[in-house]
N, C-alpha and C. Protein backbone atom coordinates (compact mmCIF):
# COMPACT_ATOMS: atom_id res chain seq x y z
N MET A 1 21.72 45.23 32.62
CA MET A 1 21.39 43.48 33.02
C MET A 1 21.11 42.74 31.29
N HIS A 2 21.27 41.56 31.51
CA HIS A 2 20.80 40.90 31.19
C HIS A 2 19.96 39.26 31.46
N THR A 3 18.68 39.56 31.02
CA THR A 3 17.26 38.70 31.42
C THR A 3 18.18 37.60 30.08
N LYS A 4 17.63 36.36 31.86
CA LYS A 4 17.65 34.88 31.04
C LYS A 4 16.51 34.75 30.35
N ALA A 5 16.95 34.11 28.66
CA ALA A 5 15.17 34.07 28.20
C ALA A 5 14.73 32.13 28.49
N GLN A 6 13.48 32.56 28.62
CA GLN A 6 13.04 30.96 28.74
C GLN A 6 12.95 30.65 27.32
N ILE A 7 12.83 28.90 27.03
CA ILE A 7 13.18 28.70 25.72
C ILE A 7 12.63 27.47 25.73
N GLU A 8 11.57 26.65 25.39
CA GLU A 8 10.64 25.25 25.92
C GLU A 8 10.62 24.64 25.15
N TYR A 9 10.76 23.04 24.44
CA TYR A 9 10.45 22.22 23.15
C TYR A 9 9.92 21.02 23.79
N ARG A 10 8.69 21.62 23.12
CA ARG A 10 7.77 20.01 23.13
C ARG A 10 7.25 19.42 21.61
N VAL A 11 7.01 18.01 21.95
CA VAL A 11 6.76 17.34 21.48
C VAL A 11 5.12 17.12 20.99
N ARG A 12 3.95 17.46 20.30
CA ARG A 12 3.19 17.25 20.06
C ARG A 12 2.33 16.20 19.14
N PRO A 13 1.00 15.46 19.04
CA PRO A 13 0.92 15.06 18.46
C PRO A 13 -0.22 15.94 17.56
N VAL A 14 -0.36 15.33 16.22
CA VAL A 14 -0.56 15.69 14.96
C VAL A 14 -1.28 14.49 14.61
N THR A 15 -2.74 15.28 14.20
CA THR A 15 -3.35 13.81 13.04
C THR A 15 -3.71 14.28 11.34
N ARG A 16 -3.03 14.14 10.99
CA ARG A 16 -3.55 14.80 9.50
C ARG A 16 -4.07 13.59 8.34
N PHE A 17 -4.66 13.57 7.32
CA PHE A 17 -5.45 12.57 7.06
C PHE A 17 -5.12 12.46 5.24
N ILE A 18 -4.36 12.04 4.53
CA ILE A 18 -3.89 11.38 3.34
C ILE A 18 -5.07 10.75 2.81
N VAL A 19 -5.34 11.37 1.05
CA VAL A 19 -6.18 11.03 0.19
C VAL A 19 -4.53 10.43 -0.28
N THR A 20 -4.59 8.55 -0.70
CA THR A 20 -3.69 7.86 -2.02
C THR A 20 -4.69 6.97 -2.67
N ARG A 21 -4.05 6.66 -3.85
CA ARG A 21 -4.98 6.21 -4.23
C ARG A 21 -3.26 4.81 -4.60
N PHE A 22 -4.64 3.61 -5.06
CA PHE A 22 -3.31 2.34 -4.92
C PHE A 22 -4.40 2.15 -6.45
N GLU A 23 -3.06 0.98 -7.00
CA GLU A 23 -3.86 0.46 -8.20
C GLU A 23 -2.77 -0.97 -8.47
N ALA A 24 -3.12 -1.80 -8.15
CA ALA A 24 -3.10 -2.94 -8.69
C ALA A 24 -2.34 -3.88 -10.08
N PRO A 25 -1.88 -4.52 -10.16
CA PRO A 25 -1.74 -5.19 -11.61
C PRO A 25 -2.44 -5.83 -11.56
N THR A 26 -2.85 -5.65 -13.43
CA THR A 26 -3.39 -6.60 -13.96
C THR A 26 -2.81 -7.34 -15.49
N PRO A 27 -3.81 -8.71 -15.77
CA PRO A 27 -2.70 -9.78 -16.67
C PRO A 27 -2.10 -8.85 -17.80
N GLU A 28 -2.95 -7.73 -18.14
CA GLU A 28 -2.53 -6.02 -19.12
C GLU A 28 -1.13 -5.70 -18.90
N ARG A 29 -1.28 -5.26 -17.87
CA ARG A 29 -0.57 -4.09 -17.13
C ARG A 29 0.04 -4.53 -15.33
N GLN A 30 1.28 -4.98 -16.01
CA GLN A 30 1.99 -5.31 -14.46
C GLN A 30 2.53 -4.59 -13.40
N ALA A 31 2.37 -3.48 -14.03
CA ALA A 31 3.01 -2.28 -13.31
C ALA A 31 2.10 -1.95 -11.93
N MET A 32 2.08 -1.64 -10.82
CA MET A 32 1.37 -1.21 -9.98
C MET A 32 1.55 0.26 -8.92
N GLY A 33 0.96 0.74 -8.75
CA GLY A 33 1.60 1.80 -7.55
C GLY A 33 0.65 2.30 -6.88
N SER A 34 1.45 3.58 -5.64
CA SER A 34 0.39 4.02 -4.92
C SER A 34 1.13 5.46 -5.01
N SER A 35 -0.43 6.62 -5.18
CA SER A 35 0.12 8.21 -5.22
C SER A 35 -1.07 8.86 -4.18
N GLN A 36 -0.15 10.16 -3.91
CA GLN A 36 -0.89 10.65 -3.20
C GLN A 36 -1.46 11.83 -3.27
N HIS A 37 -2.96 11.71 -3.20
CA HIS A 37 -3.65 12.82 -3.71
C HIS A 37 -4.01 14.21 -2.95
N GLY A 38 -3.55 14.09 -1.67
CA GLY A 38 -3.29 15.52 -1.00
C GLY A 38 -3.67 15.31 0.53
N GLU A 39 -3.20 16.25 1.28
CA GLU A 39 -2.92 15.86 2.83
C GLU A 39 -4.11 16.99 3.80
N PHE A 40 -4.75 16.77 4.65
CA PHE A 40 -5.70 17.87 4.94
C PHE A 40 -5.80 17.35 6.39
N ASP A 41 -6.51 18.53 7.19
CA ASP A 41 -6.35 18.36 8.65
C ASP A 41 -7.65 17.93 9.28
N ASN A 42 -8.48 17.20 8.42
CA ASN A 42 -9.19 16.57 9.05
C ASN A 42 -10.52 15.74 8.30
N HIS A 43 -10.69 14.50 8.66
CA HIS A 43 -11.25 13.23 7.91
C HIS A 43 -12.56 13.73 6.59
N ALA A 44 -12.87 14.35 7.11
CA ALA A 44 -14.35 14.51 6.47
C ALA A 44 -14.57 15.74 5.23
N THR A 45 -12.96 16.45 5.14
CA THR A 45 -12.01 16.87 4.06
C THR A 45 -11.60 15.74 3.03
N ALA A 46 -11.21 14.95 4.11
CA ALA A 46 -10.40 14.16 3.16
C ALA A 46 -11.14 13.14 2.15
N TYR A 47 -12.65 12.45 3.43
CA TYR A 47 -13.16 11.86 2.66
C TYR A 47 -14.35 12.52 1.05
N ALA A 48 -14.49 13.56 1.61
CA ALA A 48 -15.16 13.89 0.82
C ALA A 48 -14.40 13.87 -0.78
N VAL A 49 -13.18 14.09 -0.46
CA VAL A 49 -12.25 14.41 -1.84
C VAL A 49 -11.62 13.20 -2.78
N ALA A 50 -11.22 12.42 -1.89
CA ALA A 50 -11.16 11.12 -1.74
C ALA A 50 -13.03 10.07 -2.96
N TYR A 51 -13.51 10.47 -2.23
CA TYR A 51 -14.72 9.88 -2.97
C TYR A 51 -15.19 10.71 -4.37
N ALA A 52 -14.62 11.91 -4.58
CA ALA A 52 -15.25 12.48 -5.57
C ALA A 52 -14.18 12.26 -6.89
N LEU A 53 -12.80 12.20 -6.38
CA LEU A 53 -11.75 11.34 -7.04
C LEU A 53 -12.23 10.16 -7.80
N CYS A 54 -12.29 9.43 -6.30
CA CYS A 54 -12.66 7.73 -7.07
C CYS A 54 -14.86 7.97 -8.10
N SER A 55 -15.08 9.16 -7.63
CA SER A 55 -16.57 9.41 -8.49
C SER A 55 -16.15 9.02 -10.25
N ALA A 56 -15.08 10.63 -10.32
CA ALA A 56 -15.13 11.13 -11.28
C ALA A 56 -14.47 10.47 -11.98
N GLU A 57 -12.82 9.07 -11.59
CA GLU A 57 -12.11 8.20 -12.68
C GLU A 57 -12.85 7.39 -13.28
N ARG A 58 -13.94 6.84 -11.73
CA ARG A 58 -14.83 5.19 -12.22
C ARG A 58 -16.25 6.06 -13.40
N ASP A 59 -16.37 7.33 -13.21
CA ASP A 59 -17.43 7.66 -14.81
C ASP A 59 -16.40 8.17 -16.44
N ARG A 60 -15.16 8.78 -15.71
CA ARG A 60 -14.04 8.31 -16.65
C ARG A 60 -14.28 7.23 -17.40
N LEU A 61 -13.89 6.22 -16.92
CA LEU A 61 -13.37 5.16 -17.41
C LEU A 61 -14.95 4.23 -17.47
N GLY A 62 -15.82 4.70 -16.97
CA GLY A 62 -17.67 4.42 -17.72
C GLY A 62 -17.73 3.13 -17.08
N TRP A 63 -17.27 3.13 -15.94
CA TRP A 63 -18.02 1.48 -15.34
C TRP A 63 -18.96 1.79 -14.20
N GLY A 64 -19.38 0.67 -14.28
CA GLY A 64 -21.21 0.93 -13.29
C GLY A 64 -20.79 1.47 -11.97
N LEU A 65 -21.51 1.62 -11.41
CA LEU A 65 -21.64 2.09 -9.66
C LEU A 65 -21.28 0.75 -9.05
N SER A 66 -21.80 -0.37 -9.12
CA SER A 66 -21.62 -1.61 -8.93
C SER A 66 -20.41 -2.55 -9.23
N ASP A 67 -19.39 -1.94 -10.34
CA ASP A 67 -18.37 -2.03 -10.65
C ASP A 67 -17.37 -2.64 -9.49
N GLU A 68 -16.88 -3.16 -9.46
CA GLU A 68 -15.87 -4.20 -7.99
C GLU A 68 -14.05 -3.97 -8.29
N ARG A 69 -14.30 -3.43 -9.51
CA ARG A 69 -12.41 -3.02 -9.90
C ARG A 69 -12.08 -1.71 -9.63
N ILE A 70 -13.32 -0.95 -8.95
CA ILE A 70 -12.98 0.25 -8.48
C ILE A 70 -13.54 -0.03 -6.99
N ARG A 71 -12.94 0.72 -5.72
CA ARG A 71 -12.77 0.78 -4.36
C ARG A 71 -13.45 2.10 -3.32
N TYR A 72 -14.01 2.66 -3.70
CA TYR A 72 -14.58 3.68 -2.78
C TYR A 72 -13.86 3.53 -1.41
N PRO A 73 -13.70 4.96 -0.92
CA PRO A 73 -13.59 5.50 0.36
C PRO A 73 -14.02 4.40 1.25
N ALA A 74 -13.57 4.36 2.43
CA ALA A 74 -14.57 3.53 3.66
C ALA A 74 -14.58 5.12 4.77
N PRO A 75 -15.78 5.21 4.80
CA PRO A 75 -15.56 6.44 5.65
C PRO A 75 -15.33 6.00 7.15
N ALA A 76 -14.26 6.66 8.06
CA ALA A 76 -13.89 6.09 9.37
C ALA A 76 -15.71 5.41 10.84
N GLU A 77 -15.47 4.77 11.22
CA GLU A 77 -16.21 4.20 12.00
C GLU A 77 -16.93 5.38 12.60
N GLY A 78 -18.65 5.48 12.62
CA GLY A 78 -19.38 6.72 13.25
C GLY A 78 -19.33 7.73 12.55
N PHE A 79 -18.64 8.07 11.65
CA PHE A 79 -18.62 8.93 9.90
C PHE A 79 -20.07 9.13 9.58
N ASN A 80 -20.42 9.94 9.41
CA ASN A 80 -21.57 9.85 8.50
C ASN A 80 -21.74 10.44 7.48
N VAL A 81 -22.28 9.83 6.27
CA VAL A 81 -22.78 10.23 5.49
C VAL A 81 -23.71 10.11 4.52
N ALA A 82 -24.30 10.30 3.67
CA ALA A 82 -25.17 10.67 2.80
C ALA A 82 -25.32 9.53 1.68
N PRO A 83 -26.25 9.34 1.13
CA PRO A 83 -26.05 7.99 0.18
C PRO A 83 -25.41 8.18 -0.68
N ASP A 84 -25.17 9.63 -1.68
CA ASP A 84 -23.69 9.32 -2.09
C ASP A 84 -22.58 9.47 -1.81
N GLY A 85 -22.99 9.39 -0.02
CA GLY A 85 -20.86 9.15 -0.18
C GLY A 85 -20.53 10.66 0.06
N VAL A 86 -21.18 12.27 0.32
CA VAL A 86 -20.49 13.32 0.85
C VAL A 86 -21.02 12.97 2.31
N PRO A 87 -20.19 13.40 2.45
CA PRO A 87 -20.04 14.36 4.42
C PRO A 87 -22.02 14.30 4.39
N ASP A 88 -22.49 14.24 5.57
CA ASP A 88 -24.24 14.82 5.90
C ASP A 88 -23.89 15.72 7.16
N ALA A 89 -25.11 15.82 7.64
CA ALA A 89 -24.69 17.11 9.04
C ALA A 89 -25.59 15.40 10.38
N PRO A 90 -24.49 15.98 11.07
CA PRO A 90 -24.39 15.29 12.44
C PRO A 90 -25.33 14.83 12.54
N GLY A 91 -26.14 13.35 13.04
CA GLY A 91 -26.93 12.36 13.59
C GLY A 91 -27.97 11.97 12.01
N ALA A 92 -27.25 12.21 10.77
CA ALA A 92 -28.04 10.94 9.74
C ALA A 92 -27.15 10.22 10.20
N PRO A 93 -28.18 9.30 9.30
CA PRO A 93 -27.76 7.24 9.03
C PRO A 93 -26.36 7.51 9.10
N THR A 94 -25.22 6.62 9.08
CA THR A 94 -24.34 6.15 9.17
C THR A 94 -24.22 5.27 7.76
N ASN A 95 -23.32 5.27 6.99
CA ASN A 95 -23.20 3.63 5.84
C ASN A 95 -22.20 3.13 6.66
N SER A 96 -22.31 1.86 7.04
CA SER A 96 -21.97 0.66 6.54
C SER A 96 -21.67 -0.35 5.48
């Protein structure tokens, strides 16, 4: 006797966070573009990676902390971060 198998397909939502880098054109360099620097399961990890990449590039270029040529990633609404931008413990003040 052959038992009838039960097979089911479902569509389920999945949220992923992708770190990207965008470079706008300048008078000296007309090229612009966007590149992906990783895909992560949660916002906290993606934010920490994006912030670290941005900090490293700013340091490499020798730009100051308030230089407007580089933009740090914005944390998600209500997302807690330490003053240096690294994710902090729950309940910490939120940088806006």
